[in-house]
């Protein structure tokens, strides 16, 4: 795999037969089908793929491709380092770490294409074509262009997943939808998830905020945030090889024991049990 930047990597690979990929300590890869045919398989459920298909490939071995015609993939790998602050006078992407976790926690991880909305699919293809072009060009600006394009790639994916999550669910208050989106995309930022900050940002009385949230969501604000974090933790236990202690700290828990205890209270299973069941 060629490192285009020390915080992300892309690769073009041609396979006649699928090979499980070594992707230590990363969240997932996007797999963009440049040509070829076959099936995307998750837990023995197969979905056909063809040219221009876009799929999510987590670390877990339950995801694979059944190749019927020689297939060329463009892989875009995301790691935690990609979203860390940097000192190279480039954009600070630390806030996008939240979106990476949002994707992990809210995507269904079933077989099939990552994007269902036709317009979003076209938009994502255009962005991936930019990455492919810059990957081939490899000039002094290519790394910067790819890095910035990846920001847009994640935004399109998040938008599509959020739209899927809201399908069939309606809210009378548009401001409340904006509030939920803000919480989802800032789930790791304790300051931005404080009642004081949210009340000021969305022009809601701080003393009325808890009542406002419960009236619209039918659950307490604290419970909603906790369940969102646990959903991310559960997904990362299943579909990544990130150490559990690291997941716990990133999501704001005291340590892995604290996270395990709360996870068991809500799901009846701890993180290690969840990971063992999924990855063997």
C-alpha atoms as a PDB file:
ATOM      1  CA  UNK A   1       0.000   0.000   0.000  1.00  0.00           C
ATOM      2  CA  UNK A   2       1.488   3.350  -0.975  1.00  0.00           C
ATOM      3  CA  UNK A   3       1.457   6.094   1.628  1.00  0.00           C
ATOM      4  CA  UNK A   4       0.401   9.330  -0.035  1.00  0.00           C
ATOM      5  CA  UNK A   5       0.376  11.159   3.300  1.00  0.00           C
ATOM      6  CA  UNK A   6       1.444  10.087   6.756  1.00  0.00           C
ATOM      7  CA  UNK A   7      -2.154  10.262   7.963  1.00  0.00           C
ATOM      8  CA  UNK A   8      -3.983   8.351   5.220  1.00  0.00           C
ATOM      9  CA  UNK A   9      -3.278   5.875   2.442  1.00  0.00           C
ATOM     10  CA  UNK A  10      -4.768   4.847  -0.885  1.00  0.00           C
ATOM     11  CA  UNK A  11      -4.071   1.924  -3.167  1.00  0.00           C
ATOM     12  CA  UNK A  12      -5.127   0.582  -6.545  1.00  0.00           C
ATOM     13  CA  UNK A  13      -5.172  -3.228  -6.575  1.00  0.00           C
ATOM     14  CA  UNK A  14      -6.293  -5.856  -9.080  1.00  0.00           C
ATOM     15  CA  UNK A  15      -7.603  -9.200  -7.805  1.00  0.00           C
ATOM     16  CA  UNK A  16      -8.667 -12.426  -9.487  1.00  0.00           C
ATOM     17  CA  UNK A  17      -9.387 -13.836  -6.029  1.00  0.00           C
ATOM     18  CA  UNK A  18     -10.122 -11.866  -2.881  1.00  0.00           C
ATOM     19  CA  UNK A  19      -7.416 -11.652  -0.257  1.00  0.00           C
ATOM     20  CA  UNK A  20      -8.102 -10.502   3.286  1.00  0.00           C
ATOM     21  CA  UNK A  21      -6.264  -7.260   3.848  1.00  0.00           C
ATOM     22  CA  UNK A  22      -3.945  -6.373   6.699  1.00  0.00           C
ATOM     23  CA  UNK A  23      -5.241  -3.060   8.024  1.00  0.00           C
ATOM     24  CA  UNK A  24      -3.907  -2.650  11.546  1.00  0.00           C
ATOM     25  CA  UNK A  25      -5.484   0.037  13.713  1.00  0.00           C
ATOM     26  CA  UNK A  26      -7.709   1.640  11.096  1.00  0.00           C
ATOM     27  CA  UNK A  27     -11.445   2.272  11.035  1.00  0.00           C
ATOM     28  CA  UNK A  28     -12.385   1.174   7.562  1.00  0.00           C
ATOM     29  CA  UNK A  29     -11.582   1.506   3.893  1.00  0.00           C
ATOM     30  CA  UNK A  30     -13.725   2.721   1.046  1.00  0.00           C
ATOM     31  CA  UNK A  31     -13.628   0.266  -1.836  1.00  0.00           C
ATOM     32  CA  UNK A  32     -14.366   1.913  -5.200  1.00  0.00           C
ATOM     33  CA  UNK A  33     -14.844  -0.549  -8.074  1.00  0.00           C
ATOM     34  CA  UNK A  34     -12.897   0.676 -11.121  1.00  0.00           C
ATOM     35  CA  UNK A  35     -13.860  -2.379 -13.197  1.00  0.00           C
ATOM     36  CA  UNK A  36     -14.905  -6.000 -12.722  1.00  0.00           C
ATOM     37  CA  UNK A  37     -17.902  -7.931 -11.383  1.00  0.00           C
ATOM     38  CA  UNK A  38     -18.720 -10.094  -8.412  1.00  0.00           C
ATOM     39  CA  UNK A  39     -20.417  -9.987  -5.036  1.00  0.00           C
ATOM     40  CA  UNK A  40     -19.900  -8.070  -1.812  1.00  0.00           C
ATOM     41  CA  UNK A  41     -20.436 -10.623   0.958  1.00  0.00           C
ATOM     42  CA  UNK A  42     -21.172  -9.991   4.638  1.00  0.00           C
ATOM     43  CA  UNK A  43     -21.954 -12.957   6.879  1.00  0.00           C
ATOM     44  CA  UNK A  44     -22.814 -15.055   3.795  1.00  0.00           C
ATOM     45  CA  UNK A  45     -25.261 -12.472   2.422  1.00  0.00           C
ATOM     46  CA  UNK A  46     -24.154 -11.498  -1.096  1.00  0.00           C
ATOM     47  CA  UNK A  47     -24.797  -8.269  -3.006  1.00  0.00           C
ATOM     48  CA  UNK A  48     -23.694  -7.866  -6.636  1.00  0.00           C
ATOM     49  CA  UNK A  49     -21.070  -5.253  -7.449  1.00  0.00           C
ATOM     50  CA  UNK A  50     -19.926  -3.768 -10.747  1.00  0.00           C
ATOM     51  CA  UNK A  51     -18.001  -0.789 -12.105  1.00  0.00           C
ATOM     52  CA  UNK A  52     -18.429   2.439 -10.098  1.00  0.00           C
ATOM     53  CA  UNK A  53     -19.801   0.590  -7.063  1.00  0.00           C
ATOM     54  CA  UNK A  54     -18.830   2.117  -3.710  1.00  0.00           C
ATOM     55  CA  UNK A  55     -18.578  -0.042  -0.588  1.00  0.00           C
ATOM     56  CA  UNK A  56     -17.411   0.204   2.987  1.00  0.00           C
ATOM     57  CA  UNK A  57     -14.805  -2.333   4.076  1.00  0.00           C
ATOM     58  CA  UNK A  58     -14.322  -2.566   7.868  1.00  0.00           C
ATOM     59  CA  UNK A  59     -11.429  -4.368   9.507  1.00  0.00           C
ATOM     60  CA  UNK A  60     -13.665  -7.317  10.472  1.00  0.00           C
ATOM     61  CA  UNK A  61     -13.145 -10.479   8.434  1.00  0.00           C
ATOM     62  CA  UNK A  62     -16.876 -10.988   7.909  1.00  0.00           C
ATOM     63  CA  UNK A  63     -16.618  -8.629   4.900  1.00  0.00           C
ATOM     64  CA  UNK A  64     -15.201  -9.994   1.653  1.00  0.00           C
ATOM     65  CA  UNK A  65     -15.611  -9.927  -2.125  1.00  0.00           C
ATOM     66  CA  UNK A  66     -16.528 -12.911  -4.252  1.00  0.00           C
ATOM     67  CA  UNK A  67     -14.809 -12.058  -7.540  1.00  0.00           C
ATOM     68  CA  UNK A  68     -16.402 -13.356 -10.747  1.00  0.00           C
ATOM     69  CA  UNK A  69     -14.456 -11.179 -13.189  1.00  0.00           C
ATOM     70  CA  UNK A  70     -10.992  -9.743 -12.505  1.00  0.00           C
ATOM     71  CA  UNK A  71     -11.641  -6.639 -10.422  1.00  0.00           C
ATOM     72  CA  UNK A  72      -9.641  -3.453  -9.965  1.00  0.00           C
ATOM     73  CA  UNK A  73     -10.271  -1.654  -6.667  1.00  0.00           C
ATOM     74  CA  UNK A  74      -9.412   1.812  -5.486  1.00  0.00           C
ATOM     75  CA  UNK A  75      -8.988   1.543  -1.714  1.00  0.00           C
ATOM     76  CA  UNK A  76      -9.072   4.651   0.473  1.00  0.00           C
ATOM     77  CA  UNK A  77      -7.996   3.891   4.022  1.00  0.00           C
ATOM     78  CA  UNK A  78      -9.012   5.991   7.015  1.00  0.00           C
ATOM     79  CA  UNK A  79      -7.020   5.909  10.240  1.00  0.00           C
ATOM     80  CA  UNK A  80      -7.370   7.773  13.499  1.00  0.00           C
ATOM     81  CA  UNK A  81      -4.232   9.781  12.693  1.00  0.00           C
ATOM     82  CA  UNK A  82      -5.968  11.302   9.678  1.00  0.00           C
ATOM     83  CA  UNK A  83      -8.190  13.302  11.995  1.00  0.00           C
ATOM     84  CA  UNK A  84      -5.559  14.418  14.474  1.00  0.00           C
ATOM     85  CA  UNK A  85      -4.437  18.017  14.639  1.00  0.00           C
ATOM     86  CA  UNK A  86      -1.356  18.778  12.592  1.00  0.00           C
ATOM     87  CA  UNK A  87       1.325  21.444  12.539  1.00  0.00           C
ATOM     88  CA  UNK A  88       1.989  21.652   8.821  1.00  0.00           C
ATOM     89  CA  UNK A  89      -0.115  24.752   8.175  1.00  0.00           C
ATOM     90  CA  UNK A  90      -2.879  22.559   6.814  1.00  0.00           C
ATOM     91  CA  UNK A  91      -6.506  22.382   7.835  1.00  0.00           C
ATOM     92  CA  UNK A  92      -7.140  21.025  11.342  1.00  0.00           C
ATOM     93  CA  UNK A  93      -9.239  17.896  10.804  1.00  0.00           C
ATOM     94  CA  UNK A  94      -9.657  16.893  14.443  1.00  0.00           C
ATOM     95  CA  UNK A  95     -13.406  17.593  14.369  1.00  0.00           C
ATOM     96  CA  UNK A  96     -13.819  15.065  11.532  1.00  0.00           C
ATOM     97  CA  UNK A  97     -12.873  12.276  13.899  1.00  0.00           C
ATOM     98  CA  UNK A  98     -16.467  12.656  15.143  1.00  0.00           C
ATOM     99  CA  UNK A  99     -17.794  11.948  11.664  1.00  0.00           C
ATOM    100  CA  UNK A 100     -15.661   8.869  11.323  1.00  0.00           C
ATOM    101  CA  UNK A 101     -17.181   7.553  14.528  1.00  0.00           C
ATOM    102  CA  UNK A 102     -20.644   8.561  13.323  1.00  0.00           C
ATOM    103  CA  UNK A 103     -20.205   6.435  10.213  1.00  0.00           C
ATOM    104  CA  UNK A 104     -18.971   3.475  12.245  1.00  0.00           C
ATOM    105  CA  UNK A 105     -21.843   3.758  14.708  1.00  0.00           C
ATOM    106  CA  UNK A 106     -24.708   4.420  12.321  1.00  0.00           C
ATOM    107  CA  UNK A 107     -23.930   2.468   9.150  1.00  0.00           C
ATOM    108  CA  UNK A 108     -25.709  -0.907   9.100  1.00  0.00           C
ATOM    109  CA  UNK A 109     -22.543  -2.769   7.973  1.00  0.00           C
ATOM    110  CA  UNK A 110     -24.639  -5.073   5.809  1.00  0.00           C
ATOM    111  CA  UNK A 111     -23.732  -6.186   2.306  1.00  0.00           C
ATOM    112  CA  UNK A 112     -24.478  -3.665  -0.403  1.00  0.00           C
ATOM    113  CA  UNK A 113     -23.370  -0.276  -1.603  1.00  0.00           C
ATOM    114  CA  UNK A 114     -22.460   2.396   0.888  1.00  0.00           C
ATOM    115  CA  UNK A 115     -24.614   5.079  -0.739  1.00  0.00           C
ATOM    116  CA  UNK A 116     -28.244   4.519  -1.751  1.00  0.00           C
ATOM    117  CA  UNK A 117     -29.245   8.043  -2.759  1.00  0.00           C
ATOM    118  CA  UNK A 118     -28.583   8.432  -6.490  1.00  0.00           C
ATOM    119  CA  UNK A 119     -27.492  12.065  -6.266  1.00  0.00           C
ATOM    120  CA  UNK A 120     -25.134  11.368  -3.381  1.00  0.00           C
ATOM    121  CA  UNK A 121     -23.749   8.366  -5.256  1.00  0.00           C
ATOM    122  CA  UNK A 122     -22.927  10.571  -8.267  1.00  0.00           C
ATOM    123  CA  UNK A 123     -21.369  13.179  -6.017  1.00  0.00           C
ATOM    124  CA  UNK A 124     -19.235  10.599  -4.202  1.00  0.00           C
ATOM    125  CA  UNK A 125     -18.085   9.143  -7.528  1.00  0.00           C
ATOM    126  CA  UNK A 126     -16.956  12.603  -8.667  1.00  0.00           C
ATOM    127  CA  UNK A 127     -14.974  13.062  -5.477  1.00  0.00           C
ATOM    128  CA  UNK A 128     -13.366   9.629  -5.745  1.00  0.00           C
ATOM    129  CA  UNK A 129     -12.447  10.405  -9.368  1.00  0.00           C
ATOM    130  CA  UNK A 130     -10.583  13.478  -8.072  1.00  0.00           C
ATOM    131  CA  UNK A 131      -8.685  11.250  -5.643  1.00  0.00           C
ATOM    132  CA  UNK A 132      -7.923   8.775  -8.420  1.00  0.00           C
ATOM    133  CA  UNK A 133      -6.636  11.546 -10.680  1.00  0.00           C
ATOM    134  CA  UNK A 134      -4.418  13.072  -7.988  1.00  0.00           C
ATOM    135  CA  UNK A 135      -3.158   9.629  -7.022  1.00  0.00           C
ATOM    136  CA  UNK A 136      -2.002   9.138 -10.613  1.00  0.00           C
ATOM    137  CA  UNK A 137      -0.574  12.651 -10.975  1.00  0.00           C
ATOM    138  CA  UNK A 138       1.491  12.658  -7.731  1.00  0.00           C
ATOM    139  CA  UNK A 139       2.708  16.247  -7.915  1.00  0.00           C
ATOM    140  CA  UNK A 140       3.518  18.643  -5.099  1.00  0.00           C
ATOM    141  CA  UNK A 141      -0.156  19.522  -4.509  1.00  0.00           C
ATOM    142  CA  UNK A 142      -1.670  16.030  -4.831  1.00  0.00           C
ATOM    143  CA  UNK A 143      -1.459  15.112  -1.150  1.00  0.00           C
ATOM    144  CA  UNK A 144      -3.171  18.324  -0.068  1.00  0.00           C
ATOM    145  CA  UNK A 145      -5.936  17.958  -2.688  1.00  0.00           C
ATOM    146  CA  UNK A 146      -6.585  14.334  -1.708  1.00  0.00           C
ATOM    147  CA  UNK A 147      -6.723  15.206   1.970  1.00  0.00           C
ATOM    148  CA  UNK A 148      -9.220  18.001   1.409  1.00  0.00           C
ATOM    149  CA  UNK A 149     -11.310  15.853  -0.931  1.00  0.00           C
ATOM    150  CA  UNK A 150     -11.548  13.174   1.770  1.00  0.00           C
ATOM    151  CA  UNK A 151     -13.242  15.735   4.012  1.00  0.00           C
ATOM    152  CA  UNK A 152     -16.000  16.086   1.416  1.00  0.00           C
ATOM    153  CA  UNK A 153     -16.176  12.315   0.944  1.00  0.00           C
ATOM    154  CA  UNK A 154     -16.924  11.839   4.637  1.00  0.00           C
ATOM    155  CA  UNK A 155     -19.518  14.628   4.592  1.00  0.00           C
ATOM    156  CA  UNK A 156     -21.421  12.971   1.735  1.00  0.00           C
ATOM    157  CA  UNK A 157     -21.326   9.593   3.480  1.00  0.00           C
ATOM    158  CA  UNK A 158     -22.569  11.099   6.753  1.00  0.00           C
ATOM    159  CA  UNK A 159     -25.386  12.946   5.007  1.00  0.00           C
ATOM    160  CA  UNK A 160     -26.559   9.785   3.295  1.00  0.00           C
ATOM    161  CA  UNK A 161     -26.450   7.716   6.479  1.00  0.00           C
ATOM    162  CA  UNK A 162     -28.295  10.394   8.437  1.00  0.00           C
ATOM    163  CA  UNK A 163     -31.006  10.600   5.779  1.00  0.00           C
ATOM    164  CA  UNK A 164     -31.370   6.833   5.967  1.00  0.00           C
ATOM    165  CA  UNK A 165     -31.639   7.013   9.750  1.00  0.00           C
ATOM    166  CA  UNK A 166     -34.427   9.607   9.563  1.00  0.00           C
ATOM    167  CA  UNK A 167     -36.392   7.618   6.965  1.00  0.00           C
ATOM    168  CA  UNK A 168     -39.999   7.339   8.116  1.00  0.00           C
ATOM    169  CA  UNK A 169     -39.389   9.507  11.168  1.00  0.00           C
ATOM    170  CA  UNK A 170     -40.704  13.043  11.226  1.00  0.00           C
ATOM    171  CA  UNK A 171     -40.141  15.946  13.596  1.00  0.00           C
ATOM    172  CA  UNK A 172     -42.388  18.987  13.812  1.00  0.00           C
ATOM    173  CA  UNK A 173     -39.525  21.185  14.962  1.00  0.00           C
ATOM    174  CA  UNK A 174     -36.817  21.659  12.293  1.00  0.00           C
ATOM    175  CA  UNK A 175     -34.521  23.199  14.893  1.00  0.00           C
ATOM    176  CA  UNK A 176     -34.632  19.942  16.825  1.00  0.00           C
ATOM    177  CA  UNK A 177     -33.447  18.010  13.752  1.00  0.00           C
ATOM    178  CA  UNK A 178     -30.518  20.423  13.453  1.00  0.00           C
ATOM    179  CA  UNK A 179     -29.816  19.857  17.146  1.00  0.00           C
ATOM    180  CA  UNK A 180     -29.745  16.060  16.731  1.00  0.00           C
ATOM    181  CA  UNK A 181     -27.443  16.345  13.726  1.00  0.00           C
ATOM    182  CA  UNK A 182     -25.111  18.611  15.662  1.00  0.00           C
ATOM    183  CA  UNK A 183     -24.990  16.155  18.563  1.00  0.00           C
ATOM    184  CA  UNK A 184     -24.316  13.240  16.208  1.00  0.00           C
ATOM    185  CA  UNK A 185     -21.436  14.998  14.469  1.00  0.00           C
ATOM    186  CA  UNK A 186     -19.863  16.304  17.693  1.00  0.00           C
ATOM    187  CA  UNK A 187     -20.340  13.268  19.885  1.00  0.00           C
ATOM    188  CA  UNK A 188     -16.697  13.311  21.100  1.00  0.00           C
ATOM    189  CA  UNK A 189     -16.622  17.002  21.992  1.00  0.00           C
ATOM    190  CA  UNK A 190     -17.745  17.295  25.621  1.00  0.00           C
ATOM    191  CA  UNK A 191     -17.751  21.085  25.532  1.00  0.00           C
ATOM    192  CA  UNK A 192     -20.047  21.263  22.501  1.00  0.00           C
ATOM    193  CA  UNK A 193     -22.379  18.694  24.069  1.00  0.00           C
ATOM    194  CA  UNK A 194     -22.846  20.660  27.266  1.00  0.00           C
ATOM    195  CA  UNK A 195     -26.331  21.995  27.932  1.00  0.00           C
ATOM    196  CA  UNK A 196     -24.907  25.499  28.231  1.00  0.00           C
ATOM    197  CA  UNK A 197     -23.233  25.378  24.808  1.00  0.00           C
ATOM    198  CA  UNK A 198     -26.213  23.767  23.038  1.00  0.00           C
ATOM    199  CA  UNK A 199     -28.678  26.173  24.640  1.00  0.00           C
ATOM    200  CA  UNK A 200     -26.722  29.159  23.399  1.00  0.00           C
ATOM    201  CA  UNK A 201     -26.109  27.751  19.928  1.00  0.00           C
ATOM    202  CA  UNK A 202     -29.739  26.778  19.293  1.00  0.00           C
ATOM    203  CA  UNK A 203     -31.315  29.675  21.203  1.00  0.00           C
ATOM    204  CA  UNK A 204     -33.064  27.525  23.788  1.00  0.00           C
ATOM    205  CA  UNK A 205     -33.360  28.585  27.404  1.00  0.00           C
ATOM    206  CA  UNK A 206     -30.844  26.631  29.478  1.00  0.00           C
ATOM    207  CA  UNK A 207     -33.465  25.978  32.154  1.00  0.00           C
ATOM    208  CA  UNK A 208     -35.910  24.719  29.493  1.00  0.00           C
ATOM    209  CA  UNK A 209     -33.409  22.656  27.463  1.00  0.00           C
ATOM    210  CA  UNK A 210     -33.923  19.283  29.199  1.00  0.00           C
ATOM    211  CA  UNK A 211     -37.696  19.549  28.940  1.00  0.00           C
ATOM    212  CA  UNK A 212     -37.449  20.656  25.289  1.00  0.00           C
ATOM    213  CA  UNK A 213     -35.236  17.717  24.391  1.00  0.00           C
ATOM    214  CA  UNK A 214     -37.359  15.110  26.162  1.00  0.00           C
ATOM    215  CA  UNK A 215     -40.556  16.485  24.636  1.00  0.00           C
ATOM    216  CA  UNK A 216     -39.169  16.104  21.118  1.00  0.00           C
ATOM    217  CA  UNK A 217     -37.050  12.954  21.496  1.00  0.00           C
ATOM    218  CA  UNK A 218     -39.178  11.076  24.057  1.00  0.00           C
ATOM    219  CA  UNK A 219     -36.019  10.434  26.078  1.00  0.00           C
ATOM    220  CA  UNK A 220     -33.636  12.389  28.257  1.00  0.00           C
ATOM    221  CA  UNK A 221     -30.751  14.264  26.667  1.00  0.00           C
ATOM    222  CA  UNK A 222     -28.137  12.432  28.759  1.00  0.00           C
ATOM    223  CA  UNK A 223     -29.613   9.051  27.802  1.00  0.00           C
ATOM    224  CA  UNK A 224     -29.585   9.961  24.097  1.00  0.00           C
ATOM    225  CA  UNK A 225     -25.910  10.966  24.196  1.00  0.00           C
ATOM    226  CA  UNK A 226     -24.943   7.847  26.150  1.00  0.00           C
ATOM    227  CA  UNK A 227     -26.782   5.525  23.756  1.00  0.00           C
ATOM    228  CA  UNK A 228     -25.129   7.239  20.792  1.00  0.00           C
ATOM    229  CA  UNK A 229     -21.700   6.630  22.317  1.00  0.00           C
ATOM    230  CA  UNK A 230     -22.512   3.016  23.173  1.00  0.00           C
ATOM    231  CA  UNK A 231     -23.702   2.393  19.621  1.00  0.00           C
ATOM    232  CA  UNK A 232     -20.350   3.656  18.345  1.00  0.00           C
ATOM    233  CA  UNK A 233     -18.462   1.579  20.906  1.00  0.00           C
ATOM    234  CA  UNK A 234     -20.411  -1.541  19.931  1.00  0.00           C
ATOM    235  CA  UNK A 235     -19.716  -0.995  16.244  1.00  0.00           C
ATOM    236  CA  UNK A 236     -16.014  -0.387  16.806  1.00  0.00           C
ATOM    237  CA  UNK A 237     -15.785  -3.549  18.906  1.00  0.00           C
ATOM    238  CA  UNK A 238     -17.328  -5.499  16.037  1.00  0.00           C
ATOM    239  CA  UNK A 239     -15.738  -3.902  13.004  1.00  0.00           C
ATOM    240  CA  UNK A 240     -12.321  -2.602  14.069  1.00  0.00           C
ATOM    241  CA  UNK A 241      -9.287  -3.868  15.918  1.00  0.00           C
ATOM    242  CA  UNK A 242      -8.794  -0.684  17.944  1.00  0.00           C
ATOM    243  CA  UNK A 243      -7.878  -1.534  21.559  1.00  0.00           C
ATOM    244  CA  UNK A 244     -10.898  -1.363  23.861  1.00  0.00           C
ATOM    245  CA  UNK A 245      -9.103   0.964  26.272  1.00  0.00           C
ATOM    246  CA  UNK A 246      -8.487   3.381  23.400  1.00  0.00           C
ATOM    247  CA  UNK A 247     -12.143   3.246  22.336  1.00  0.00           C
ATOM    248  CA  UNK A 248     -13.235   3.921  25.917  1.00  0.00           C
ATOM    249  CA  UNK A 249     -11.023   6.982  26.300  1.00  0.00           C
ATOM    250  CA  UNK A 250     -11.940   8.403  22.888  1.00  0.00           C
ATOM    251  CA  UNK A 251     -15.646   8.160  23.750  1.00  0.00           C
ATOM    252  CA  UNK A 252     -15.220   9.866  27.116  1.00  0.00           C
ATOM    253  CA  UNK A 253     -15.380   6.890  29.475  1.00  0.00           C
ATOM    254  CA  UNK A 254     -12.989   6.653  32.428  1.00  0.00           C
ATOM    255  CA  UNK A 255     -11.406   3.409  31.201  1.00  0.00           C
ATOM    256  CA  UNK A 256     -12.273   0.089  29.558  1.00  0.00           C
ATOM    257  CA  UNK A 257     -13.816  -1.270  32.790  1.00  0.00           C
ATOM    258  CA  UNK A 258     -16.160   1.716  32.973  1.00  0.00           C
ATOM    259  CA  UNK A 259     -17.218   1.223  29.348  1.00  0.00           C
ATOM    260  CA  UNK A 260     -17.679  -2.543  29.814  1.00  0.00           C
ATOM    261  CA  UNK A 261     -19.861  -2.046  32.867  1.00  0.00           C
ATOM    262  CA  UNK A 262     -22.182   0.400  31.129  1.00  0.00           C
ATOM    263  CA  UNK A 263     -22.235  -1.719  27.954  1.00  0.00           C
ATOM    264  CA  UNK A 264     -23.332  -4.761  29.937  1.00  0.00           C
ATOM    265  CA  UNK A 265     -26.073  -2.737  31.625  1.00  0.00           C
ATOM    266  CA  UNK A 266     -27.507  -1.718  28.248  1.00  0.00           C
ATOM    267  CA  UNK A 267     -26.740  -4.695  25.977  1.00  0.00           C
ATOM    268  CA  UNK A 268     -26.091  -7.541  28.387  1.00  0.00           C
ATOM    269  CA  UNK A 269     -22.600  -8.020  26.937  1.00  0.00           C
ATOM    270  CA  UNK A 270     -19.239  -6.377  27.440  1.00  0.00           C
ATOM    271  CA  UNK A 271     -16.955  -5.089  24.713  1.00  0.00           C
ATOM    272  CA  UNK A 272     -14.744  -8.172  24.652  1.00  0.00           C
ATOM    273  CA  UNK A 273     -17.737 -10.476  24.316  1.00  0.00           C
ATOM    274  CA  UNK A 274     -19.086  -8.399  21.444  1.00  0.00           C
ATOM    275  CA  UNK A 275     -15.716  -8.423  19.678  1.00  0.00           C
ATOM    276  CA  UNK A 276     -15.151 -12.147  20.219  1.00  0.00           C
ATOM    277  CA  UNK A 277     -18.586 -13.081  18.855  1.00  0.00           C
ATOM    278  CA  UNK A 278     -18.047 -11.039  15.694  1.00  0.00           C
ATOM    279  CA  UNK A 279     -14.408 -11.635  14.897  1.00  0.00           C
ATOM    280  CA  UNK A 280     -13.796 -15.047  16.463  1.00  0.00           C
END
